[in-house]
Amino acid sequence: SSKSVGFSEDISKVRGMLEEKHPNFCLPKGVTSLIVEVVRPEVQVCVPYSYQGFRLLAVMKDGAWLTEDAADVMSKDLGMERPKRLSFEALKPGGYGAGEAPTLSDVMAKAEAYVMSDNPHDLEEGWVVVMKNGLRLKVKTEVWNMIHA
């Protein structure tokens, strides 16, 4: 057990957001974990947010992480946004041939070659790569590195 209870104004604001946007929230049957990104304009890192809410990143149900497609369905049921997804073809010009699959090197090359758009709403801080085994790896673009270096 914990010897103290953590509190901050930010935690209080997020709890208020949750109670306002999802007043009767409870985990669906069989769900033991949700990974959710809190989106608020005042806590943006690089990407300017034009809304306030929650983005469902991952769901553990019945002891296993759901597929991205199943998480999409659950996000609609919960009334939460989902992050934008890139197709594999976006990583390699011309796409992948039969039996080929993207590599971490492909993702890193895309991050290093990233060019910032003139539109700040098109800015991408990076991507979360979801491996077949459910492991998630966050890859940041050079733009993020320049801002935070």
Protein backbone atom coordinates (compact mmCIF):
# COMPACT_ATOMS: atom_id res chain seq x y z
CA SER A 1 0.00 0.00 0.00
CA SER A 2 1.04 3.57 -0.57
CA LYS A 3 2.07 5.76 2.37
CA SER A 4 0.67 8.90 0.74
CA VAL A 5 -1.86 10.02 -1.79
CA GLY A 6 -0.66 11.95 -4.83
CA PHE A 7 -2.48 15.11 -5.81
CA SER A 8 -1.94 17.91 -8.26
CA GLU A 9 -4.07 20.55 -9.94
CA ASP A 10 -3.50 18.72 -13.21
CA ILE A 11 -4.85 15.44 -11.79
CA SER A 12 -7.87 17.33 -10.52
CA LYS A 13 -8.51 18.88 -13.96
CA VAL A 14 -8.23 15.51 -15.72
CA ARG A 15 -10.60 13.91 -13.23
CA GLY A 16 -13.07 16.74 -13.88
CA MET A 17 -12.72 16.16 -17.63
CA LEU A 18 -13.40 12.46 -17.16
CA GLU A 19 -16.46 13.11 -15.00
CA GLU A 20 -17.78 15.68 -17.49
CA LYS A 21 -17.18 13.71 -20.70
CA HIS A 22 -17.84 10.22 -19.30
CA PRO A 23 -20.01 10.67 -16.16
CA ASN A 24 -20.93 6.99 -15.86
CA PHE A 25 -17.61 5.54 -16.99
CA CYS A 26 -16.73 2.00 -16.01
CA LEU A 27 -14.51 -0.57 -17.66
CA PRO A 28 -16.32 -2.93 -20.03
CA LYS A 29 -16.61 -6.56 -18.96
CA GLY A 30 -13.30 -8.41 -19.20
CA VAL A 31 -11.26 -5.19 -19.61
CA THR A 32 -8.55 -4.82 -16.99
CA SER A 33 -6.51 -1.95 -18.48
CA LEU A 34 -6.94 1.01 -20.78
CA ILE A 35 -4.04 3.15 -21.92
CA VAL A 36 -5.46 6.59 -22.60
CA GLU A 37 -3.82 9.81 -23.74
CA VAL A 38 -5.24 12.95 -22.15
CA VAL A 39 -5.57 15.69 -24.78
CA ARG A 40 -5.78 19.29 -23.58
CA PRO A 41 -4.65 22.42 -25.41
CA GLU A 42 -2.80 23.73 -22.35
CA VAL A 43 -0.57 20.64 -22.05
CA GLN A 44 0.43 20.17 -25.68
CA VAL A 45 4.00 19.16 -26.35
CA CYS A 46 4.38 20.00 -30.06
CA VAL A 47 1.08 19.32 -31.83
CA PRO A 48 -1.48 22.09 -31.23
CA TYR A 49 -4.68 20.47 -29.98
CA SER A 50 -7.96 22.03 -31.04
CA TYR A 51 -10.04 19.90 -28.67
CA GLN A 52 -10.03 18.46 -25.20
CA GLY A 53 -10.69 14.81 -24.51
CA PHE A 54 -9.26 11.33 -24.32
CA ARG A 55 -7.60 9.14 -26.94
CA LEU A 56 -7.74 5.40 -26.45
CA LEU A 57 -4.29 3.97 -27.17
CA ALA A 58 -4.57 0.35 -26.04
CA VAL A 59 -6.91 -2.09 -24.29
CA MET A 60 -6.18 -5.24 -22.30
CA LYS A 61 -9.15 -7.59 -22.21
CA ASP A 62 -9.27 -11.12 -20.85
CA GLY A 63 -5.51 -11.07 -20.28
CA ALA A 64 -4.45 -10.01 -23.79
CA TRP A 65 -3.95 -6.74 -25.64
CA LEU A 66 -6.67 -6.12 -28.22
CA THR A 67 -5.77 -5.65 -31.87
CA GLU A 68 -5.81 -2.11 -33.21
CA ASP A 69 -9.06 -2.86 -35.09
CA ALA A 70 -10.73 -4.18 -31.92
CA ALA A 71 -9.51 -1.10 -30.02
CA ASP A 72 -11.11 1.05 -32.75
CA VAL A 73 -14.47 -0.62 -32.07
CA MET A 74 -14.12 -0.21 -28.31
CA SER A 75 -13.16 3.46 -28.66
CA LYS A 76 -16.45 4.12 -30.46
CA ASP A 77 -18.35 2.30 -27.70
CA LEU A 78 -16.54 4.41 -25.08
CA GLY A 79 -16.85 7.67 -27.02
CA MET A 80 -13.10 8.22 -27.21
CA GLU A 81 -10.91 9.27 -30.10
CA ARG A 82 -8.19 7.02 -31.53
CA PRO A 83 -4.78 8.15 -32.75
CA LYS A 84 -4.22 8.48 -36.47
CA ARG A 85 -2.66 5.35 -37.96
CA LEU A 86 -0.14 5.13 -40.77
CA SER A 87 -0.21 2.33 -43.26
CA PHE A 88 2.95 0.34 -43.83
CA GLU A 89 3.10 1.78 -47.35
CA ALA A 90 3.71 5.22 -45.79
CA LEU A 91 7.05 3.92 -44.51
CA LYS A 92 8.48 2.76 -47.81
CA PRO A 93 7.90 4.41 -51.18
CA GLY A 94 6.32 1.81 -53.43
CA GLY A 95 5.17 -0.24 -50.46
CA TYR A 96 6.23 -3.73 -49.50
CA GLY A 97 6.26 -6.81 -51.69
CA ALA A 98 4.85 -10.20 -50.83
CA GLY A 99 6.53 -11.58 -47.72
CA GLU A 100 8.18 -8.24 -46.91
CA ALA A 101 7.44 -6.40 -43.69
CA PRO A 102 8.47 -3.02 -42.32
CA THR A 103 11.50 -2.90 -40.08
CA LEU A 104 12.46 -0.64 -37.22
CA SER A 105 15.05 0.84 -39.59
CA ASP A 106 12.22 1.87 -41.95
CA VAL A 107 10.42 3.67 -39.11
CA MET A 108 13.62 5.36 -37.92
CA ALA A 109 14.42 6.50 -41.48
CA LYS A 110 10.94 8.05 -41.78
CA ALA A 111 11.42 9.86 -38.45
CA GLU A 112 14.84 11.19 -39.48
CA ALA A 113 13.57 12.31 -42.91
CA TYR A 114 10.42 13.96 -41.54
CA VAL A 115 9.84 17.47 -42.90
CA MET A 116 7.64 19.82 -40.93
CA SER A 117 4.52 21.09 -42.67
CA ASP A 118 3.65 24.79 -42.84
CA ASN A 119 0.35 23.87 -41.16
CA PRO A 120 0.98 23.32 -37.42
CA HIS A 121 -2.03 20.99 -37.24
CA ASP A 122 -0.21 18.60 -39.61
CA LEU A 123 2.82 18.42 -37.30
CA GLU A 124 3.75 14.91 -36.21
CA GLU A 125 5.79 14.46 -33.02
CA GLY A 126 6.39 10.83 -33.87
CA TRP A 127 4.67 7.47 -33.92
CA VAL A 128 4.01 4.54 -31.69
CA VAL A 129 4.99 1.31 -33.39
CA VAL A 130 2.85 -1.63 -32.28
CA MET A 131 4.73 -4.90 -32.65
CA LYS A 132 3.00 -8.21 -33.37
CA ASN A 133 3.58 -9.28 -29.76
CA GLY A 134 1.85 -6.11 -28.46
CA LEU A 135 5.04 -4.30 -27.45
CA ARG A 136 4.82 -0.58 -28.15
CA LEU A 137 7.79 1.55 -29.15
CA LYS A 138 7.61 5.33 -29.39
CA VAL A 139 9.68 6.88 -32.19
CA LYS A 140 10.07 10.67 -32.24
CA THR A 141 10.64 12.79 -35.34
CA GLU A 142 13.59 15.12 -35.68
CA VAL A 143 11.16 18.04 -35.19
CA TRP A 144 10.38 16.77 -31.68
CA ASN A 145 14.11 16.34 -31.06
CA MET A 146 14.84 19.94 -32.18
CA ILE A 147 12.13 21.38 -29.91
CA HIS A 148 13.23 19.34 -26.89
CA ALA A 149 17.01 19.17 -27.42
